[in-house]
Amino acid sequence: MPTAFIPFTMRASARNDHRGTFRTDIERLSAGHRHWAPLDVLRSTNTQAVFRGAVPKGVHTATDASLARFLQDRLATVDIHLDLSVTIER
């Protein structure tokens, strides 16, 4: 049975203590090897970026805030530290 994917838009901002790695983090995010949430960069600057992506439907997709927390936690496991806001496309 195929998994349903939930599309979303994500805004990422550099954290004050990680501003020096922001561009590298954005490049790592858009590299495409995150199969759990493939991301396309729509726009980016040196401190902010906007992505479009999709994740498998689950408890973490119940609200925009729960998906943002899920993504922040997953990214932190690979040493990417960003402030995220997410809008789930319904």
N, C-alpha and C. Protein backbone atom coordinates (compact mmCIF):
# COMPACT_ATOMS: atom_id res chain seq x y z
N MET A 1 0.85 -1.17 0.00
CA MET A 1 0.00 0.00 0.00
C MET A 1 0.90 1.25 0.00
N PRO A 2 0.74 2.15 -0.98
CA PRO A 2 1.61 3.32 -1.06
C PRO A 2 1.38 4.29 0.10
N THR A 3 2.44 4.94 0.49
CA THR A 3 2.39 5.93 1.56
C THR A 3 1.94 7.26 0.98
N ALA A 4 1.02 7.93 1.67
CA ALA A 4 0.58 9.26 1.23
C ALA A 4 1.63 10.28 1.68
N PHE A 5 1.95 11.20 0.78
CA PHE A 5 2.89 12.26 1.12
C PHE A 5 2.14 13.57 1.29
N ILE A 6 2.59 14.35 2.25
CA ILE A 6 1.99 15.64 2.56
C ILE A 6 2.93 16.74 2.07
N PRO A 7 2.49 17.57 1.11
CA PRO A 7 3.34 18.67 0.65
C PRO A 7 3.36 19.81 1.66
N PHE A 8 4.47 20.52 1.73
CA PHE A 8 4.60 21.64 2.65
C PHE A 8 5.58 22.67 2.09
N THR A 9 5.48 23.88 2.64
CA THR A 9 6.45 24.93 2.38
C THR A 9 7.14 25.22 3.70
N MET A 10 8.46 25.38 3.65
CA MET A 10 9.24 25.58 4.86
C MET A 10 10.12 26.82 4.70
N ARG A 11 10.11 27.65 5.73
CA ARG A 11 11.01 28.80 5.80
C ARG A 11 12.07 28.48 6.84
N ALA A 12 13.31 28.62 6.44
CA ALA A 12 14.43 28.36 7.34
C ALA A 12 15.19 29.66 7.58
N SER A 13 15.52 29.90 8.82
CA SER A 13 16.31 31.08 9.19
C SER A 13 17.56 30.61 9.92
N ALA A 14 18.63 31.36 9.74
CA ALA A 14 19.88 31.05 10.43
C ALA A 14 19.74 31.37 11.91
N ARG A 15 20.16 30.45 12.76
CA ARG A 15 20.22 30.73 14.19
C ARG A 15 21.46 31.58 14.44
N ASN A 16 21.37 32.48 15.41
CA ASN A 16 22.48 33.39 15.70
C ASN A 16 23.80 32.65 15.89
N ASP A 17 23.77 31.53 16.61
CA ASP A 17 25.01 30.80 16.88
C ASP A 17 25.45 29.89 15.74
N HIS A 18 24.69 29.86 14.63
CA HIS A 18 25.03 29.02 13.48
C HIS A 18 25.01 29.80 12.17
N ARG A 19 25.12 31.12 12.22
CA ARG A 19 25.08 31.93 11.00
C ARG A 19 26.21 31.58 10.03
N GLY A 20 27.35 31.22 10.55
CA GLY A 20 28.50 30.91 9.70
C GLY A 20 28.33 29.65 8.86
N THR A 21 27.42 28.76 9.27
CA THR A 21 27.22 27.51 8.52
C THR A 21 25.91 27.50 7.73
N PHE A 22 25.19 28.62 7.71
CA PHE A 22 23.87 28.63 7.08
C PHE A 22 23.92 28.22 5.61
N ARG A 23 24.79 28.81 4.81
CA ARG A 23 24.85 28.48 3.38
C ARG A 23 25.18 27.01 3.17
N THR A 24 26.11 26.48 3.96
CA THR A 24 26.46 25.07 3.85
C THR A 24 25.27 24.20 4.23
N ASP A 25 24.55 24.58 5.28
CA ASP A 25 23.36 23.81 5.68
C ASP A 25 22.31 23.81 4.58
N ILE A 26 22.11 24.94 3.92
CA ILE A 26 21.12 25.02 2.84
C ILE A 26 21.54 24.11 1.67
N GLU A 27 22.82 24.13 1.35
CA GLU A 27 23.32 23.25 0.29
C GLU A 27 23.13 21.78 0.65
N ARG A 28 23.38 21.44 1.90
CA ARG A 28 23.19 20.06 2.35
C ARG A 28 21.72 19.67 2.29
N LEU A 29 20.83 20.59 2.64
CA LEU A 29 19.39 20.30 2.59
C LEU A 29 18.91 20.06 1.17
N SER A 30 19.43 20.81 0.24
CA SER A 30 18.95 20.70 -1.14
C SER A 30 19.69 19.64 -1.94
N ALA A 31 20.65 18.94 -1.33
CA ALA A 31 21.43 17.92 -2.03
C ALA A 31 20.58 16.73 -2.46
N GLY A 32 19.42 16.55 -1.84
CA GLY A 32 18.49 15.52 -2.29
C GLY A 32 18.69 14.13 -1.70
N HIS A 33 19.58 13.94 -0.74
CA HIS A 33 19.77 12.61 -0.20
C HIS A 33 18.90 12.34 1.03
N ARG A 34 18.03 13.27 1.40
CA ARG A 34 17.10 13.04 2.49
C ARG A 34 15.80 12.45 1.93
N HIS A 35 15.75 11.14 1.89
CA HIS A 35 14.59 10.46 1.31
C HIS A 35 13.33 10.64 2.14
N TRP A 36 13.49 10.97 3.42
CA TRP A 36 12.32 11.14 4.29
C TRP A 36 11.66 12.48 4.06
N ALA A 37 12.35 13.44 3.40
CA ALA A 37 11.75 14.74 3.11
C ALA A 37 12.53 15.43 1.99
N PRO A 38 12.30 15.02 0.73
CA PRO A 38 13.01 15.70 -0.36
C PRO A 38 12.60 17.17 -0.41
N LEU A 39 13.58 18.05 -0.59
CA LEU A 39 13.34 19.49 -0.55
C LEU A 39 13.88 20.17 -1.81
N ASP A 40 13.11 21.14 -2.31
CA ASP A 40 13.56 22.00 -3.40
C ASP A 40 13.68 23.41 -2.85
N VAL A 41 14.78 24.09 -3.15
CA VAL A 41 14.97 25.48 -2.72
C VAL A 41 14.20 26.38 -3.68
N LEU A 42 13.32 27.21 -3.12
CA LEU A 42 12.58 28.17 -3.93
C LEU A 42 13.31 29.52 -3.96
N ARG A 43 13.83 29.94 -2.82
CA ARG A 43 14.59 31.19 -2.69
C ARG A 43 15.55 31.04 -1.52
N SER A 44 16.67 31.78 -1.60
CA SER A 44 17.55 31.81 -0.43
C SER A 44 18.42 33.06 -0.45
N THR A 45 18.77 33.48 0.75
CA THR A 45 19.72 34.58 0.97
C THR A 45 20.78 34.03 1.91
N ASN A 46 21.59 34.88 2.47
CA ASN A 46 22.61 34.43 3.41
C ASN A 46 22.07 34.12 4.80
N THR A 47 20.79 34.46 5.06
CA THR A 47 20.23 34.20 6.39
C THR A 47 18.86 33.54 6.38
N GLN A 48 18.23 33.43 5.20
CA GLN A 48 16.90 32.82 5.11
C GLN A 48 16.76 32.04 3.81
N ALA A 49 15.91 31.01 3.86
CA ALA A 49 15.63 30.22 2.67
C ALA A 49 14.20 29.72 2.72
N VAL A 50 13.62 29.51 1.55
CA VAL A 50 12.27 28.96 1.44
C VAL A 50 12.38 27.69 0.61
N PHE A 51 11.78 26.62 1.11
CA PHE A 51 11.81 25.32 0.47
C PHE A 51 10.39 24.83 0.21
N ARG A 52 10.27 23.92 -0.73
CA ARG A 52 9.04 23.15 -0.92
C ARG A 52 9.45 21.69 -0.79
N GLY A 53 8.62 20.93 -0.09
CA GLY A 53 8.95 19.52 0.10
C GLY A 53 7.72 18.68 0.36
N ALA A 54 7.96 17.43 0.73
CA ALA A 54 6.88 16.51 1.06
C ALA A 54 7.41 15.48 2.04
N VAL A 55 6.57 15.09 2.96
CA VAL A 55 6.92 14.06 3.94
C VAL A 55 5.79 13.04 4.00
N PRO A 56 6.13 11.80 4.40
CA PRO A 56 5.07 10.81 4.56
C PRO A 56 4.07 11.27 5.63
N LYS A 57 2.81 11.02 5.37
CA LYS A 57 1.77 11.38 6.33
C LYS A 57 1.96 10.58 7.61
N GLY A 58 1.80 11.27 8.75
CA GLY A 58 1.95 10.62 10.04
C GLY A 58 1.53 11.56 11.14
N VAL A 59 1.76 11.16 12.37
CA VAL A 59 1.38 11.97 13.52
C VAL A 59 2.09 13.32 13.48
N HIS A 60 3.30 13.36 12.92
CA HIS A 60 4.07 14.60 12.85
C HIS A 60 3.49 15.60 11.84
N THR A 61 2.53 15.20 11.03
CA THR A 61 1.93 16.11 10.05
C THR A 61 0.56 16.62 10.50
N ALA A 62 0.24 16.45 11.78
CA ALA A 62 -1.07 16.89 12.28
C ALA A 62 -1.22 18.41 12.23
N THR A 63 -0.14 19.13 12.54
CA THR A 63 -0.18 20.60 12.52
C THR A 63 1.12 21.14 11.92
N ASP A 64 1.08 22.40 11.54
CA ASP A 64 2.29 23.05 11.04
C ASP A 64 3.40 23.00 12.08
N ALA A 65 3.06 23.28 13.34
CA ALA A 65 4.05 23.30 14.42
C ALA A 65 4.65 21.92 14.67
N SER A 66 3.83 20.87 14.62
CA SER A 66 4.37 19.52 14.86
C SER A 66 5.30 19.11 13.73
N LEU A 67 5.00 19.50 12.51
CA LEU A 67 5.89 19.18 11.39
C LEU A 67 7.19 19.97 11.51
N ALA A 68 7.12 21.23 11.91
CA ALA A 68 8.34 22.03 12.10
C ALA A 68 9.24 21.40 13.15
N ARG A 69 8.65 20.96 14.28
CA ARG A 69 9.43 20.30 15.34
C ARG A 69 10.07 19.01 14.82
N PHE A 70 9.29 18.21 14.09
CA PHE A 70 9.79 16.96 13.52
C PHE A 70 10.99 17.22 12.61
N LEU A 71 10.85 18.20 11.72
CA LEU A 71 11.94 18.50 10.79
C LEU A 71 13.16 19.05 11.52
N GLN A 72 12.96 19.93 12.48
CA GLN A 72 14.09 20.46 13.25
C GLN A 72 14.83 19.33 13.97
N ASP A 73 14.09 18.43 14.57
CA ASP A 73 14.70 17.30 15.27
C ASP A 73 15.48 16.41 14.31
N ARG A 74 14.89 16.10 13.15
CA ARG A 74 15.57 15.24 12.16
C ARG A 74 16.84 15.92 11.65
N LEU A 75 16.77 17.21 11.38
CA LEU A 75 17.94 17.92 10.86
C LEU A 75 19.03 18.04 11.91
N ALA A 76 18.65 18.20 13.15
CA ALA A 76 19.65 18.30 14.23
C ALA A 76 20.47 17.02 14.34
N THR A 77 19.89 15.88 13.98
CA THR A 77 20.64 14.62 14.05
C THR A 77 21.78 14.58 13.05
N VAL A 78 21.73 15.42 12.01
CA VAL A 78 22.82 15.51 11.03
C VAL A 78 23.53 16.86 11.13
N ASP A 79 23.44 17.46 12.32
CA ASP A 79 24.14 18.71 12.65
C ASP A 79 23.74 19.88 11.76
N ILE A 80 22.44 19.98 11.45
CA ILE A 80 21.91 21.15 10.76
C ILE A 80 20.95 21.82 11.74
N HIS A 81 21.30 23.05 12.13
CA HIS A 81 20.54 23.76 13.15
C HIS A 81 19.95 25.03 12.56
N LEU A 82 18.65 24.99 12.29
CA LEU A 82 17.92 26.11 11.70
C LEU A 82 16.66 26.39 12.49
N ASP A 83 16.20 27.62 12.44
CA ASP A 83 14.86 27.92 12.94
C ASP A 83 13.91 27.74 11.77
N LEU A 84 12.87 26.93 11.97
CA LEU A 84 11.96 26.59 10.88
C LEU A 84 10.55 27.03 11.18
N SER A 85 9.86 27.43 10.13
CA SER A 85 8.40 27.56 10.18
C SER A 85 7.88 26.81 8.96
N VAL A 86 6.79 26.12 9.15
CA VAL A 86 6.26 25.24 8.11
C VAL A 86 4.80 25.56 7.87
N THR A 87 4.40 25.49 6.61
CA THR A 87 3.00 25.58 6.23
C THR A 87 2.65 24.32 5.45
N ILE A 88 1.78 23.50 6.02
CA ILE A 88 1.33 22.29 5.33
C ILE A 88 0.30 22.70 4.30
N GLU A 89 0.46 22.21 3.08
CA GLU A 89 -0.48 22.54 2.01
C GLU A 89 -1.64 21.55 2.06
N ARG A 90 -2.79 22.05 2.38
CA ARG A 90 -3.97 21.20 2.53
C ARG A 90 -4.93 21.41 1.39
